[in-house]
Protein backbone atom coordinates (compact mmCIF):
# COMPACT_ATOMS: atom_id res chain seq x y z
CA MET A 1 100.62 134.60 -142.37
CA LEU A 2 98.14 133.78 -139.60
CA ARG A 3 98.66 130.10 -140.27
CA ARG A 4 102.44 130.46 -139.81
CA LEU A 5 101.93 132.37 -136.56
CA ALA A 6 99.61 129.62 -135.31
CA ILE A 7 102.20 126.93 -136.18
CA VAL A 8 104.95 128.91 -134.45
CA ALA A 9 102.74 129.34 -131.36
CA VAL A 10 102.04 125.60 -131.22
CA LEU A 11 105.76 124.79 -131.54
CA VAL A 12 106.70 127.26 -128.81
CA ALA A 13 104.04 125.79 -126.52
CA ALA A 14 105.28 122.23 -127.19
CA ILE A 15 108.88 123.21 -126.46
CA GLY A 16 107.74 124.89 -123.24
CA VAL A 17 105.89 121.74 -122.10
CA ALA A 18 108.94 119.59 -122.89
CA PHE A 19 111.20 121.98 -120.95
CA VAL A 20 108.90 121.98 -117.90
CA THR A 21 108.76 118.15 -117.94
CA VAL A 22 112.57 117.84 -118.05
CA ALA A 23 113.12 120.64 -115.52
CA SER A 24 110.61 119.18 -113.06
CA GLY A 25 112.76 116.08 -112.62
CA ALA A 26 110.20 113.60 -113.84
CA PRO A 27 110.85 110.14 -112.36
CA ARG A 28 113.25 108.00 -114.35
CA LYS A 29 112.90 104.31 -114.98
CA VAL A 30 114.73 102.57 -112.13
CA TYR A 31 114.56 98.82 -111.62
CA VAL A 32 114.62 96.54 -108.58
CA GLU A 33 115.69 92.94 -108.10
CA ARG A 34 112.25 91.49 -107.37
CA ASP A 35 113.43 88.09 -106.16
CA ILE A 36 116.82 87.26 -104.66
CA VAL A 37 116.71 83.74 -106.13
CA SER A 38 115.86 84.49 -109.78
CA GLN A 39 117.52 87.94 -109.62
CA GLN A 40 115.04 89.26 -112.19
CA LEU A 41 114.82 93.03 -112.47
CA ALA A 42 111.41 94.70 -112.38
CA TYR A 43 110.11 98.27 -112.66
CA ARG A 44 107.89 99.28 -109.71
CA PRO A 45 107.41 95.69 -108.46
CA HIS A 46 104.32 94.73 -106.46
CA ALA A 47 106.30 92.19 -104.42
CA ILE A 48 109.96 91.56 -103.53
CA GLY A 49 111.12 88.12 -102.38
CA LEU A 50 113.79 88.39 -99.69
CA SER A 51 114.52 84.79 -98.74
CA ALA A 52 115.65 81.79 -100.76
CA ASP A 53 113.25 79.46 -98.95
CA GLY A 54 110.17 81.68 -99.43
CA THR A 55 109.73 82.51 -95.75
CA PHE A 56 110.08 86.31 -96.11
CA ALA A 57 108.76 88.69 -98.75
CA ILE A 58 107.35 92.19 -99.06
CA THR A 59 103.98 92.07 -100.87
CA GLY A 60 101.14 94.37 -101.87
CA ILE A 61 103.58 97.24 -102.40
CA ARG A 62 101.93 100.64 -102.89
CA TRP A 63 104.59 103.11 -104.05
CA GLN A 64 104.37 106.62 -102.60
CA SER A 65 107.42 107.79 -104.56
CA TYR A 66 109.58 106.06 -107.15
CA GLY A 67 112.28 106.96 -109.66
CA GLY A 68 114.26 109.50 -107.65
CA SER A 69 117.33 108.92 -105.51
CA ALA A 70 115.08 107.01 -103.10
CA ALA A 71 111.71 105.26 -103.38
CA ARG A 72 109.20 104.85 -100.55
CA ALA A 73 106.23 102.53 -100.13
CA LYS A 74 103.73 100.96 -97.78
CA ALA A 75 103.13 97.24 -98.03
CA ARG A 76 102.49 93.98 -96.23
CA ALA A 77 105.14 91.47 -95.33
CA TYR A 78 104.81 87.73 -95.70
CA VAL A 79 106.71 86.04 -92.86
CA ARG A 80 106.52 82.31 -92.25
CA GLY A 81 107.61 81.18 -88.81
CA CYS A 82 109.67 78.02 -88.64
CA THR A 83 108.15 76.31 -85.58
CA PRO A 84 107.91 73.34 -85.56
CA ASP A 85 109.55 73.66 -89.00
CA CYS A 86 109.39 76.15 -91.89
CA ALA A 87 106.93 74.02 -93.87
CA GLN A 88 104.42 73.97 -90.99
CA GLY A 89 105.13 77.33 -89.39
CA ARG A 90 102.48 80.01 -88.86
CA VAL A 91 102.20 82.77 -91.48
CA TYR A 92 102.36 86.39 -90.30
CA ARG A 93 101.21 89.36 -92.41
CA PRO A 94 102.46 92.53 -90.65
CA ARG A 95 102.18 96.00 -92.16
CA ALA A 96 105.45 97.26 -93.59
CA THR A 97 107.13 100.42 -94.76
CA LEU A 98 110.07 100.22 -97.09
CA SER A 99 112.54 102.46 -98.82
CA LEU A 100 114.83 101.76 -101.73
CA SER A 101 118.08 103.64 -102.28
CA ALA A 102 121.68 103.38 -103.51
CA LEU A 103 121.27 103.77 -107.28
CA VAL A 104 123.81 101.79 -109.33
CA PRO A 105 124.16 100.84 -113.00
CA CYS A 106 123.39 97.17 -113.63
CA ARG A 107 122.79 95.18 -116.81
CA GLY A 108 122.51 98.36 -118.83
CA VAL A 109 119.89 100.00 -116.58
CA THR A 110 119.81 101.79 -113.22
CA ILE A 111 118.71 99.82 -110.16
CA TYR A 112 118.00 100.48 -106.50
CA SER A 113 120.55 98.29 -104.74
CA GLN A 114 119.45 98.66 -101.11
CA LEU A 115 116.13 98.02 -99.35
CA ARG A 116 115.27 99.09 -95.81
CA TYR A 117 112.13 97.80 -94.13
CA VAL A 118 110.21 98.24 -90.87
CA LEU A 119 107.49 95.74 -89.87
CA TYR A 120 104.49 96.59 -87.65
CA GLY A 121 102.46 93.85 -85.95
CA PRO A 122 102.94 90.30 -84.68
CA LEU A 123 106.07 88.43 -85.80
CA PRO A 124 107.67 85.06 -85.05
CA ALA A 125 109.97 85.02 -82.03
CA GLY A 126 113.43 86.28 -82.94
CA PHE A 127 112.42 87.79 -86.31
CA HIS A 128 113.91 91.28 -86.84
CA ARG A 129 111.33 94.07 -86.94
CA SER A 130 113.57 96.19 -89.18
CA GLY A 131 116.48 95.57 -91.45
CA THR A 132 118.48 96.41 -94.54
CA GLU A 133 118.84 94.06 -97.50
CA SER A 134 121.14 94.25 -100.52
CA LEU A 135 119.27 94.05 -103.83
CA ARG A 136 122.42 93.97 -105.94
CA PRO A 137 122.36 90.86 -108.15
CA LEU A 138 125.24 88.46 -107.44
CA GLY A 139 127.99 87.54 -109.89
CA GLU A 140 130.24 89.55 -112.17
CA GLU A 141 128.38 88.40 -115.29
CA ASN A 142 125.50 90.73 -114.35
CA GLY A 143 127.57 93.86 -114.94
CA CYS A 144 126.69 95.28 -111.51
């Protein structure tokens, strides 16, 4: 009899833990297009390439929140100036904040389809200090 009561108590405790986990809104697995050229999806990427020629990327991403309707992070940007040309231009590494939003279904998973960034520190002349980028993979074959 005591053994049955102990088993019931363990089951009730396990159900309670499962309920609290579900009710607390535990982060779900949301993906991000980590490179606009390859269009590969990644979970909690450490870097996101934002230019086809490799002159702009967000790197060293440290996620503060992830998996909800929006994700937020601090990072560094990699910005290559194009003077005298992009191959010889100076590299800038400003601090960055970023947020991901606009959840959409894609390739059978959920992705963040929009990235907003703000850059802090020196930048090449004419480079935008803040902006919004679409992270929705191109082409109808992707199912996005």
